[in-house]
Structure formats: C-alpha cells, structure tokens
C-alpha cells in the first residue's frame, strides 16, 4: 500500500533519471527537466528549418540541456562527441554554404530520398490516410493553442521543424504549469498530449527520416545533426515510456508519390534553385 502511494506521487520521467520522491519535493527538478526538453526541441526545430542566418544552430547550447535529459551514459558520450565535432567544420562554413548543403540534402521542394514532411511516411500507426496526418496535427495544434513559429520557414504543418517546435511549446507549458503550482490533473493532460504526439508522430517517422537524411548527407553538418536528433528522440521515447509504431523502410519505399506536385507547389520560393 505504502509503495503504491509513493509511486502515484513520484514523477515517472525523473524516476527514469534516478530521482524519486514526492512531486512537491521534486518541483525544481521537474521544472528543470521540462525546460531542458523544451530547449532541445527548440534547438532542433531551428536546426531543421531553412538556415536564413548563422543563428540557425548553436551546437554548444545543446550540452547543458542534454546533460539533464539523457538517461544512458553511452548516449550522453555519443551526443557529446557529435557536438564537440561541429567545431571542426561549422565555424568555417559560410551561411551560403550551409544553405547549399540544406538544399542538397533536403531538396529545393521536397527530397524523395529524405523528405522532412511526415505526410510522406505513409499511414502506419493508426493513421488512415496521408491527409489524416495533417488533420491530426492540426487537431493537436488547435487543442493546445500552438501557433507555428513565424520567424522560421513557412513550411506545411507536417514539416519536421513545426512538429519539433510543437513539442518545445508543450514542454515549456508543462514547466510553466509546474512552476505555478497548477492542478496535477492539468499537468497530466499536457503529459498525456506529449506522449500521444511522440508516439503517433515524432517517434513514428523521425527515426526513419534520420536514417535517410544521414545516408543522403553522407558526412558533415546534417549527417551529424540527424545522428544527434535520432539519439534524442530515442531518449525522449524512453523518458515518456511509450512504444511508437515506427515506419519501416520497406513500407516507405512501397508508397506512391502522388502528392509530389502538391509538395513542390508549397515549397518556399527562397528555396527554389538559382542559376549557377
């Protein structure tokens, strides 16, 4: 009886990181964890947006929040090694070179080799049709009052940067709720929403996206970024204690690309190819 009472009031995510105790006693740690997850999701959202300026990605800003959230020591060591490696080439790249690399990997409109749009990854995980992806995402965004970032590329709602930005927003909302002693039932609604979103969306298609983008990039900036993102998504899935139904490569490869023209039509004009 006593054990079950302790379990009820403990924070399950912090328990994965080795911290147990009452919710009141863990308040500062709960806030810290939510803010760290929010920060990482925001950094990735910016990193996978079209790079308009050098602020699109600051590798060192990842270190502190990742130290808070990563469960496994080997994942922390791998993440730190990737982050440390950026200094060998990123400072020497001009923003024009970064933009060219972004277009090379992800395409002027949509890359069929590693599309950064969830709708291209099929209908596994309870999604009935490709357009259901957009409907589900719109439902999440409306329910929780999320507005897509205006300071980033005007992408369709299923673009990776928008899905990552939504998770950042949800984590910030949770930190605010904990900080201001909101009812735990309201906080649990936010947590439930995050679990469902990562299970049905982030954790469903982004692991395969990371594999495809890594192959396409081969080396350098976006190869390292997707390796780092894959490690973080794996960690967040473990923190949230969920089991996403992942899209597998054969399922993706068997899809038709009937929506390719629609995707091209929706590409930002700034990403269109220019004469050499």
Protein backbone atom coordinates (compact mmCIF):
# COMPACT_ATOMS: atom_id res chain seq x y z
CA UNK A 1 0.00 0.00 0.00
CA UNK A 2 2.74 2.44 1.00
CA UNK A 3 4.77 1.59 -2.09
CA UNK A 4 1.86 2.28 -4.45
CA UNK A 5 1.25 5.65 -2.75
CA UNK A 6 4.86 6.66 -3.31
CA UNK A 7 4.63 5.55 -6.93
CA UNK A 8 1.50 7.64 -7.50
CA UNK A 9 3.09 10.89 -6.34
CA UNK A 10 6.51 10.37 -7.94
CA UNK A 11 7.42 11.83 -11.33
CA UNK A 12 7.79 8.93 -13.83
CA UNK A 13 10.21 10.80 -16.11
CA UNK A 14 12.51 11.78 -13.25
CA UNK A 15 12.34 8.21 -11.99
CA UNK A 16 13.90 7.13 -15.30
CA UNK A 17 16.76 9.50 -14.49
CA UNK A 18 17.14 8.12 -10.97
CA UNK A 19 15.27 10.82 -8.99
CA UNK A 20 12.37 9.70 -6.81
CA UNK A 21 10.31 11.39 -4.15
CA UNK A 22 7.17 13.47 -3.80
CA UNK A 23 6.08 15.81 -6.59
CA UNK A 24 6.48 18.75 -4.22
CA UNK A 25 9.99 17.72 -3.29
CA UNK A 26 10.90 17.24 -6.94
CA UNK A 27 9.42 20.54 -8.14
CA UNK A 28 12.72 22.17 -9.10
CA UNK A 29 13.92 19.03 -10.91
CA UNK A 30 10.61 18.69 -12.75
CA UNK A 31 10.85 22.28 -13.97
CA UNK A 32 14.49 21.79 -14.97
CA UNK A 33 13.69 18.63 -16.94
CA UNK A 34 10.76 20.25 -18.78
CA UNK A 35 12.82 23.35 -19.63
CA UNK A 36 15.73 21.21 -20.84
CA UNK A 37 13.47 19.15 -23.12
CA UNK A 38 11.83 22.36 -24.38
CA UNK A 39 15.20 23.89 -25.17
CA UNK A 40 16.45 20.84 -27.06
CA UNK A 41 13.28 20.55 -29.13
CA UNK A 42 13.52 24.26 -29.94
CA UNK A 43 17.18 23.99 -30.99
CA UNK A 44 16.36 21.07 -33.29
CA UNK A 45 13.34 22.90 -34.71
CA UNK A 46 15.59 25.80 -35.68
CA UNK A 47 18.35 23.50 -36.96
CA UNK A 48 15.99 21.74 -39.40
CA UNK A 49 14.41 24.95 -40.66
CA UNK A 50 15.85 26.65 -43.73
CA UNK A 51 19.03 28.37 -42.43
CA UNK A 52 18.46 32.09 -43.00
CA UNK A 53 21.36 33.19 -40.79
CA UNK A 54 24.08 31.83 -38.52
CA UNK A 55 21.73 31.67 -35.54
CA UNK A 56 20.03 28.60 -37.04
CA UNK A 57 22.16 26.29 -34.88
CA UNK A 58 24.48 26.82 -31.91
CA UNK A 59 25.97 23.40 -31.01
CA UNK A 60 27.26 24.40 -27.56
CA UNK A 61 23.73 25.38 -26.48
CA UNK A 62 22.85 21.66 -26.62
CA UNK A 63 25.33 20.50 -23.99
CA UNK A 64 23.68 21.66 -20.77
CA UNK A 65 20.09 20.61 -21.55
CA UNK A 66 21.20 17.23 -22.93
CA UNK A 67 23.12 16.60 -19.72
CA UNK A 68 19.80 17.00 -17.87
CA UNK A 69 17.68 14.69 -20.05
CA UNK A 70 19.87 11.83 -21.30
CA UNK A 71 19.28 8.55 -19.49
CA UNK A 72 22.08 6.28 -20.75
CA UNK A 73 25.74 7.18 -20.26
CA UNK A 74 26.69 5.83 -23.69
CA UNK A 75 24.07 8.07 -25.35
CA UNK A 76 25.46 11.07 -23.48
CA UNK A 77 29.01 10.21 -24.60
CA UNK A 78 27.87 9.78 -28.22
CA UNK A 79 25.91 13.05 -28.14
CA UNK A 80 28.81 14.98 -26.60
CA UNK A 81 31.22 13.61 -29.21
CA UNK A 82 28.93 14.74 -32.04
CA UNK A 83 28.51 18.20 -30.50
CA UNK A 84 32.27 18.56 -30.00
CA UNK A 85 32.81 17.58 -33.63
CA UNK A 86 30.82 20.51 -35.02
CA UNK A 87 33.66 22.88 -34.12
CA UNK A 88 35.86 21.18 -36.70
CA UNK A 89 33.81 22.45 -39.64
CA UNK A 90 30.72 24.53 -38.79
CA UNK A 91 32.59 27.77 -37.87
CA UNK A 92 34.36 27.58 -41.24
CA UNK A 93 31.12 27.32 -43.27
CA UNK A 94 29.56 30.48 -44.67
CA UNK A 95 25.78 30.80 -44.36
CA UNK A 96 25.63 30.38 -48.16
CA UNK A 97 27.43 27.05 -47.85
CA UNK A 98 25.04 25.96 -45.11
CA UNK A 99 22.06 26.89 -47.30
CA UNK A 100 23.53 24.97 -50.25
CA UNK A 101 24.03 21.92 -48.04
CA UNK A 102 20.46 22.17 -46.75
CA UNK A 103 19.14 22.22 -50.31
CA UNK A 104 21.48 19.40 -51.38
CA UNK A 105 20.20 17.12 -48.62
CA UNK A 106 16.54 18.06 -48.43
CA UNK A 107 15.90 19.31 -51.97
CA UNK A 108 14.57 22.57 -53.37
CA UNK A 109 10.99 21.49 -52.72
CA UNK A 110 10.86 18.00 -51.22
CA UNK A 111 13.54 15.34 -51.34
CA UNK A 112 12.20 11.90 -52.17
CA UNK A 113 15.31 10.45 -50.55
CA UNK A 114 14.71 12.02 -47.12
CA UNK A 115 11.57 14.18 -47.12
CA UNK A 116 11.26 16.36 -43.97
CA UNK A 117 7.45 16.07 -44.12
CA UNK A 118 5.61 13.45 -42.08
CA UNK A 119 2.88 13.00 -44.68
CA UNK A 120 5.41 11.32 -46.99
CA UNK A 121 5.93 8.49 -44.50
CA UNK A 122 2.72 6.59 -45.01
CA UNK A 123 -0.19 5.59 -42.86
CA UNK A 124 1.20 3.23 -40.19
CA UNK A 125 0.38 3.71 -36.52
CA UNK A 126 -3.38 4.13 -36.81
CA UNK A 127 -3.35 6.88 -39.44
CA UNK A 128 -5.96 6.09 -42.09
CA UNK A 129 -4.66 8.24 -44.92
CA UNK A 130 -1.86 10.67 -45.68
CA UNK A 131 -4.18 13.64 -45.28
CA UNK A 132 -5.13 12.32 -41.82
CA UNK A 133 -1.61 13.31 -40.77
CA UNK A 134 -2.43 16.96 -41.43
CA UNK A 135 -5.81 16.66 -39.72
CA UNK A 136 -4.28 15.06 -36.63
CA UNK A 137 -1.50 17.63 -36.42
CA UNK A 138 -3.97 20.48 -36.81
CA UNK A 139 -6.04 18.95 -34.02
CA UNK A 140 -3.06 18.84 -31.67
CA UNK A 141 -2.03 22.39 -32.51
CA UNK A 142 -5.55 23.78 -32.03
CA UNK A 143 -6.25 21.82 -28.83
CA UNK A 144 -3.16 23.11 -27.07
CA UNK A 145 -3.15 26.60 -28.60
CA UNK A 146 0.08 26.23 -30.56
CA UNK A 147 0.95 28.69 -33.33
CA UNK A 148 3.71 27.78 -35.75
CA UNK A 149 6.89 29.87 -35.45
CA UNK A 150 6.73 32.97 -37.64
CA UNK A 151 10.47 33.54 -37.64
CA UNK A 152 11.18 30.32 -39.49
CA UNK A 153 10.42 28.98 -42.96
CA UNK A 154 6.76 28.98 -43.93
CA UNK A 155 6.50 25.22 -44.17
CA UNK A 156 3.45 22.97 -44.15
CA UNK A 157 2.37 21.87 -40.68
CA UNK A 158 3.85 18.36 -41.06
CA UNK A 159 7.38 19.72 -41.64
CA UNK A 160 9.84 18.37 -39.06
CA UNK A 161 10.64 21.86 -37.76
CA UNK A 162 6.98 22.54 -36.91
CA UNK A 163 6.48 19.21 -35.13
CA UNK A 164 9.63 19.78 -33.07
CA UNK A 165 8.50 23.34 -32.30
CA UNK A 166 5.17 22.00 -31.02
CA UNK A 167 6.96 19.67 -28.61
CA UNK A 168 9.11 22.55 -27.40
CA UNK A 169 5.94 24.57 -26.76
CA UNK A 170 4.36 21.67 -24.84
CA UNK A 171 7.44 21.25 -22.65
CA UNK A 172 7.54 24.98 -21.89
CA UNK A 173 3.84 24.86 -20.99
CA UNK A 174 4.50 21.98 -18.61
CA UNK A 175 7.38 23.85 -16.95
CA UNK A 176 5.14 26.90 -16.50
CA UNK A 177 2.33 24.77 -15.04
CA UNK A 178 4.66 23.10 -12.54
CA UNK A 179 6.31 26.40 -11.61
CA UNK A 180 2.91 27.97 -10.90
CA UNK A 181 1.51 25.00 -8.97
CA UNK A 182 -1.26 24.20 -11.43
CA UNK A 183 -3.51 21.26 -10.65
CA UNK A 184 -1.68 17.98 -11.32
CA UNK A 185 -4.65 16.84 -13.41
CA UNK A 186 -4.00 19.72 -15.83
CA UNK A 187 -0.31 18.86 -15.92
CA UNK A 188 -1.20 15.23 -16.65
CA UNK A 189 -3.26 16.40 -19.64
CA UNK A 190 -0.13 18.08 -21.05
CA UNK A 191 1.95 14.97 -20.38
CA UNK A 192 -0.68 12.75 -21.99
CA UNK A 193 -0.74 15.04 -25.04
CA UNK A 194 3.05 14.86 -25.35
CA UNK A 195 3.04 11.07 -25.04
CA UNK A 196 0.41 10.73 -27.73
CA UNK A 197 2.18 13.18 -30.04
CA UNK A 198 5.58 11.49 -29.74
CA UNK A 199 4.02 8.01 -30.05
CA UNK A 200 1.89 8.83 -33.11
CA UNK A 201 4.09 11.39 -34.84
CA UNK A 202 7.67 12.25 -33.68
CA UNK A 203 8.58 8.68 -32.74
CA UNK A 204 6.74 7.19 -35.71
CA UNK A 205 8.56 8.76 -38.66
CA UNK A 206 11.56 10.79 -37.47
CA UNK A 207 13.79 7.74 -36.76
CA UNK A 208 13.45 6.69 -40.43
CA UNK A 209 13.89 10.29 -41.58
CA UNK A 210 17.19 10.38 -39.64
CA UNK A 211 18.41 7.22 -41.38
CA UNK A 212 17.50 8.56 -44.84
CA UNK A 213 18.93 12.03 -44.21
CA UNK A 214 22.14 10.55 -42.83
CA UNK A 215 22.59 8.49 -45.98
CA UNK A 216 21.89 11.45 -48.22
CA UNK A 217 24.18 13.84 -46.30
CA UNK A 218 26.96 11.20 -46.04
CA UNK A 219 29.06 13.46 -43.80
CA UNK A 220 29.20 16.88 -42.19
CA UNK A 221 26.53 19.17 -40.76
CA UNK A 222 23.26 17.37 -41.48
CA UNK A 223 24.75 13.88 -41.06
CA UNK A 224 25.79 14.85 -37.52
CA UNK A 225 22.54 16.71 -36.81
CA UNK A 226 20.34 13.72 -37.68
CA UNK A 227 22.54 11.39 -35.63
CA UNK A 228 22.10 13.74 -32.67
CA UNK A 229 18.34 14.01 -33.29
CA UNK A 230 17.97 10.21 -33.51
CA UNK A 231 19.70 9.82 -30.13
CA UNK A 232 17.47 12.48 -28.56
CA UNK A 233 14.22 11.03 -29.95
CA UNK A 234 15.21 7.56 -28.70
CA UNK A 235 15.87 9.08 -25.28
CA UNK A 236 12.58 11.02 -25.19
CA UNK A 237 10.64 7.90 -26.17
CA UNK A 238 12.27 6.14 -23.19
CA UNK A 239 11.61 9.10 -20.85
CA UNK A 240 7.94 9.17 -21.81
CA UNK A 241 7.74 5.35 -21.58
CA UNK A 242 5.94 4.90 -24.89
CA UNK A 243 6.18 2.49 -27.83
CA UNK A 244 5.73 4.25 -31.18
CA UNK A 245 4.75 2.21 -34.23
CA UNK A 246 7.71 3.13 -36.40
CA UNK A 247 7.57 3.44 -40.17
CA UNK A 248 9.99 0.92 -41.64
CA UNK A 249 11.96 1.42 -44.84
CA UNK A 250 10.14 -1.20 -46.99
CA UNK A 251 6.79 0.40 -46.13
CA UNK A 252 8.11 3.83 -47.06
CA UNK A 253 9.67 2.62 -50.31
CA UNK A 254 6.41 0.98 -51.45
CA UNK A 255 4.45 4.23 -51.22
CA UNK A 256 3.39 6.18 -54.27
CA UNK A 257 4.40 9.82 -54.53
CA UNK A 258 1.16 11.13 -55.94
CA UNK A 259 1.46 14.24 -53.78
CA UNK A 260 4.84 15.31 -55.10
CA UNK A 261 3.43 18.17 -57.19
CA UNK A 262 1.48 19.46 -54.21
CA UNK A 263 4.64 19.48 -52.11
CA UNK A 264 6.59 21.33 -54.80
CA UNK A 265 3.82 23.90 -55.02
CA UNK A 266 4.08 24.50 -51.28
CA UNK A 267 7.86 24.92 -51.17
CA UNK A 268 9.12 28.32 -50.03
CA UNK A 269 10.15 30.45 -53.02
CA UNK A 270 13.50 31.21 -51.37
CA UNK A 271 14.44 27.54 -51.67
CA UNK A 272 13.97 27.41 -55.43
CA UNK A 273 17.13 26.70 -57.45
CA UNK A 274 19.05 29.61 -58.87
CA UNK A 275 21.34 29.64 -61.85
CA UNK A 276 24.91 28.55 -61.18
